[in-house]
Structure formats: structure tokens, C-alpha cells
N, C-alpha and C. Protein backbone atom coordinates (compact mmCIF):
# COMPACT_ATOMS: atom_id res chain seq x y z
N MET A 1 -35.06 -16.55 5.39
CA MET A 1 -33.87 -17.25 5.86
C MET A 1 -32.68 -16.78 5.02
N SER A 2 -31.61 -16.38 5.68
CA SER A 2 -30.43 -15.93 4.95
C SER A 2 -29.36 -17.01 4.98
N GLU A 3 -28.69 -17.12 3.86
CA GLU A 3 -27.59 -18.08 3.78
C GLU A 3 -26.32 -17.39 4.24
N THR A 4 -25.50 -18.12 4.96
CA THR A 4 -24.21 -17.57 5.36
C THR A 4 -23.17 -18.09 4.39
N LYS A 5 -22.28 -17.22 4.05
CA LYS A 5 -21.20 -17.58 3.14
C LYS A 5 -20.12 -18.28 3.94
N PRO A 6 -19.63 -19.41 3.45
CA PRO A 6 -18.58 -20.10 4.20
C PRO A 6 -17.30 -19.26 4.24
N GLU A 7 -16.55 -19.42 5.29
CA GLU A 7 -15.29 -18.70 5.42
C GLU A 7 -14.30 -19.23 4.38
N TRP A 8 -13.50 -18.32 3.83
CA TRP A 8 -12.49 -18.69 2.85
C TRP A 8 -11.47 -19.61 3.51
N PRO A 9 -11.20 -20.77 2.94
CA PRO A 9 -10.31 -21.73 3.60
C PRO A 9 -8.82 -21.49 3.33
N GLY A 10 -8.52 -20.52 2.49
CA GLY A 10 -7.12 -20.29 2.14
C GLY A 10 -6.36 -19.51 3.19
N HIS A 11 -5.12 -19.20 2.88
CA HIS A 11 -4.25 -18.44 3.78
C HIS A 11 -3.36 -17.55 2.93
N LEU A 12 -3.33 -16.27 3.26
CA LEU A 12 -2.43 -15.35 2.58
C LEU A 12 -1.13 -15.24 3.36
N THR A 13 -0.04 -15.29 2.63
CA THR A 13 1.24 -15.02 3.27
C THR A 13 1.40 -13.51 3.39
N ARG A 14 2.32 -13.08 4.20
CA ARG A 14 2.59 -11.65 4.35
C ARG A 14 2.99 -11.07 2.99
N GLN A 15 3.80 -11.78 2.24
CA GLN A 15 4.24 -11.31 0.93
C GLN A 15 3.06 -11.18 -0.03
N GLN A 16 2.14 -12.13 -0.02
CA GLN A 16 0.96 -12.04 -0.87
C GLN A 16 0.08 -10.86 -0.46
N ALA A 17 -0.06 -10.65 0.84
CA ALA A 17 -0.87 -9.54 1.34
C ALA A 17 -0.27 -8.19 0.92
N ILE A 18 1.05 -8.09 0.96
CA ILE A 18 1.73 -6.86 0.53
C ILE A 18 1.46 -6.64 -0.96
N GLY A 19 1.54 -7.70 -1.75
CA GLY A 19 1.27 -7.59 -3.18
C GLY A 19 -0.16 -7.14 -3.45
N LEU A 20 -1.11 -7.69 -2.71
CA LEU A 20 -2.51 -7.27 -2.87
C LEU A 20 -2.71 -5.81 -2.48
N LEU A 21 -2.12 -5.42 -1.36
CA LEU A 21 -2.24 -4.03 -0.92
C LEU A 21 -1.62 -3.09 -1.94
N ASP A 22 -0.50 -3.48 -2.53
CA ASP A 22 0.13 -2.67 -3.56
C ASP A 22 -0.80 -2.51 -4.76
N ALA A 23 -1.46 -3.58 -5.13
CA ALA A 23 -2.36 -3.54 -6.29
C ALA A 23 -3.56 -2.61 -6.06
N ILE A 24 -4.03 -2.52 -4.83
CA ILE A 24 -5.20 -1.68 -4.59
C ILE A 24 -4.85 -0.25 -4.21
N THR A 25 -3.57 0.06 -4.09
CA THR A 25 -3.16 1.43 -3.77
C THR A 25 -2.44 2.05 -4.96
N ASP A 26 -2.99 1.86 -6.13
CA ASP A 26 -2.41 2.37 -7.36
C ASP A 26 -2.37 3.89 -7.33
N GLN A 27 -1.18 4.46 -7.25
CA GLN A 27 -1.05 5.91 -7.16
C GLN A 27 -1.35 6.61 -8.48
N ASP A 28 -1.40 5.86 -9.58
CA ASP A 28 -1.77 6.46 -10.85
C ASP A 28 -3.28 6.63 -10.96
N ASP A 29 -4.01 6.01 -10.06
CA ASP A 29 -5.46 6.14 -10.02
C ASP A 29 -5.80 7.53 -9.51
N PRO A 30 -6.66 8.28 -10.20
CA PRO A 30 -6.98 9.63 -9.75
C PRO A 30 -7.63 9.68 -8.37
N TYR A 31 -8.16 8.58 -7.90
CA TYR A 31 -8.79 8.58 -6.59
C TYR A 31 -7.78 8.57 -5.45
N TRP A 32 -6.52 8.22 -5.73
CA TRP A 32 -5.49 8.22 -4.68
C TRP A 32 -5.42 9.59 -4.01
N GLU A 33 -5.42 10.65 -4.82
CA GLU A 33 -5.34 11.99 -4.26
C GLU A 33 -6.55 12.30 -3.38
N ASN A 34 -7.72 11.82 -3.77
CA ASN A 34 -8.92 12.03 -2.95
C ASN A 34 -8.78 11.32 -1.61
N ILE A 35 -8.19 10.16 -1.61
CA ILE A 35 -8.05 9.37 -0.39
C ILE A 35 -7.09 10.03 0.60
N VAL A 36 -6.00 10.59 0.08
CA VAL A 36 -4.96 11.13 0.97
C VAL A 36 -5.01 12.65 1.13
N GLU A 37 -6.02 13.29 0.57
CA GLU A 37 -6.06 14.75 0.59
C GLU A 37 -6.06 15.34 2.00
N ASP A 38 -6.56 14.60 2.99
CA ASP A 38 -6.54 15.11 4.36
C ASP A 38 -5.13 15.20 4.93
N PHE A 39 -4.18 14.58 4.26
CA PHE A 39 -2.79 14.58 4.72
C PHE A 39 -1.91 15.52 3.89
N TYR A 40 -2.54 16.35 3.08
CA TYR A 40 -1.81 17.31 2.24
C TYR A 40 -0.97 18.23 3.11
N HIS A 41 0.29 18.41 2.71
CA HIS A 41 1.22 19.29 3.43
C HIS A 41 1.44 20.53 2.57
N GLU A 42 0.87 21.65 3.02
CA GLU A 42 0.88 22.88 2.23
C GLU A 42 2.27 23.41 1.92
N GLU A 43 3.13 23.43 2.92
CA GLU A 43 4.46 24.03 2.73
C GLU A 43 5.27 23.34 1.65
N THR A 44 5.14 22.02 1.56
CA THR A 44 5.91 21.28 0.55
C THR A 44 5.07 20.88 -0.66
N ASP A 45 3.76 21.16 -0.60
CA ASP A 45 2.84 20.80 -1.68
C ASP A 45 2.93 19.30 -1.99
N THR A 46 2.90 18.50 -0.92
CA THR A 46 3.02 17.05 -1.08
C THR A 46 1.95 16.32 -0.28
N MET A 47 1.74 15.07 -0.68
CA MET A 47 0.84 14.16 0.02
C MET A 47 1.57 12.84 0.18
N PRO A 48 1.13 12.00 1.11
CA PRO A 48 1.80 10.71 1.28
C PRO A 48 1.58 9.82 0.05
N SER A 49 2.59 9.03 -0.21
CA SER A 49 2.49 8.04 -1.28
C SER A 49 2.06 6.71 -0.67
N ALA A 50 1.77 5.76 -1.50
CA ALA A 50 1.43 4.42 -1.01
C ALA A 50 2.61 3.84 -0.23
N LEU A 51 3.82 4.23 -0.58
CA LEU A 51 5.00 3.72 0.14
C LEU A 51 5.01 4.22 1.58
N HIS A 52 4.48 5.42 1.82
CA HIS A 52 4.35 5.91 3.20
C HIS A 52 3.37 5.01 3.97
N LEU A 53 2.32 4.58 3.29
CA LEU A 53 1.35 3.67 3.91
C LEU A 53 2.02 2.36 4.31
N PHE A 54 2.79 1.79 3.39
CA PHE A 54 3.47 0.53 3.69
C PHE A 54 4.44 0.69 4.85
N ALA A 55 5.22 1.76 4.84
CA ALA A 55 6.19 2.00 5.92
C ALA A 55 5.47 2.16 7.26
N ALA A 56 4.34 2.86 7.26
CA ALA A 56 3.60 3.06 8.51
C ALA A 56 3.05 1.75 9.05
N LEU A 57 2.81 0.79 8.17
CA LEU A 57 2.32 -0.52 8.59
C LEU A 57 3.45 -1.45 9.01
N GLY A 58 4.69 -0.96 8.94
CA GLY A 58 5.83 -1.77 9.35
C GLY A 58 6.39 -2.67 8.27
N ILE A 59 5.97 -2.43 7.04
CA ILE A 59 6.49 -3.21 5.91
C ILE A 59 7.82 -2.59 5.52
N THR A 60 8.82 -3.42 5.33
CA THR A 60 10.15 -2.91 4.98
C THR A 60 10.28 -2.77 3.47
N LYS A 61 11.27 -1.99 3.09
CA LYS A 61 11.56 -1.80 1.67
C LYS A 61 11.88 -3.14 1.02
N GLN A 62 12.63 -3.99 1.71
CA GLN A 62 13.01 -5.28 1.17
C GLN A 62 11.77 -6.18 0.99
N GLU A 63 10.86 -6.16 1.96
CA GLU A 63 9.63 -6.94 1.84
C GLU A 63 8.80 -6.45 0.65
N TYR A 64 8.70 -5.14 0.53
CA TYR A 64 7.93 -4.55 -0.56
C TYR A 64 8.51 -4.96 -1.91
N LYS A 65 9.83 -4.85 -2.04
CA LYS A 65 10.48 -5.20 -3.31
C LYS A 65 10.30 -6.68 -3.63
N ALA A 66 10.40 -7.54 -2.62
CA ALA A 66 10.23 -8.98 -2.83
C ALA A 66 8.80 -9.31 -3.25
N ALA A 67 7.84 -8.63 -2.67
CA ALA A 67 6.43 -8.92 -2.94
C ALA A 67 5.96 -8.37 -4.29
N THR A 68 6.55 -7.25 -4.72
CA THR A 68 6.05 -6.58 -5.92
C THR A 68 6.98 -6.70 -7.12
N GLY A 69 8.23 -7.05 -6.87
CA GLY A 69 9.19 -7.11 -7.96
C GLY A 69 9.75 -5.74 -8.33
N ALA A 70 9.35 -4.71 -7.60
CA ALA A 70 9.84 -3.36 -7.87
C ALA A 70 11.35 -3.31 -7.60
N GLN A 71 12.04 -2.53 -8.38
CA GLN A 71 13.49 -2.40 -8.19
C GLN A 71 13.89 -1.02 -7.71
N ASN A 72 13.49 0.01 -8.43
CA ASN A 72 13.85 1.39 -8.09
C ASN A 72 12.75 1.97 -7.21
N VAL A 73 12.91 1.82 -5.91
CA VAL A 73 11.89 2.25 -4.96
C VAL A 73 12.41 3.41 -4.14
N ASN A 74 11.69 4.53 -4.19
CA ASN A 74 12.06 5.70 -3.40
C ASN A 74 11.33 5.59 -2.06
N TRP A 75 11.89 4.79 -1.15
CA TRP A 75 11.26 4.48 0.13
C TRP A 75 11.32 5.68 1.06
N PRO A 76 10.26 5.95 1.80
CA PRO A 76 10.28 7.07 2.75
C PRO A 76 11.47 6.97 3.70
N GLY A 77 12.19 8.06 3.83
CA GLY A 77 13.35 8.09 4.71
C GLY A 77 14.66 7.79 4.00
N ASP A 78 14.59 7.31 2.74
CA ASP A 78 15.82 7.11 1.98
C ASP A 78 16.44 8.46 1.68
N ALA A 79 17.73 8.53 1.79
CA ALA A 79 18.42 9.80 1.51
C ALA A 79 18.62 10.01 0.05
């Protein structure tokens, strides 16, 4: 007989979820490059950053800054 784990009764806000996602996409972690290596762009010798991930999910720069406390953010598409 297997026990089922009860569903978590809490609720994450969008801001909390952004903060959690930011924490698990640490670009200083050497595994980040392994995760995004399929997106390597040879001509520019670049790979997507975690900020590209957030932007692709529809998270705005303002939401990201509010959730993480980051100030100097080089958001994709910023000139």
C-alpha cells in the first residue's frame, strides 16, 4: 500500500514564483552552460542568459526587479 502525499495547501504569487525561478537559474553555476549549450550561437559566441528565459516566459523587467531586488539588469532587448 502506498501513501499519497497531501497537496501543498499554500499559494505562490507571481512575484514569489519569479524569485524562486531566479534562485534556481543561477548563471554562476557551471551547469547553466550545460543546460543552454543547445542554444549556443557560433557567430557571436553567446548563449542565452536566465534573463532571456524570463523574457520568453513573458516576465517583464519591472516584475523581475521587484521580485529579486536586482537594480542593474541588462534585460534582453535593452539598447
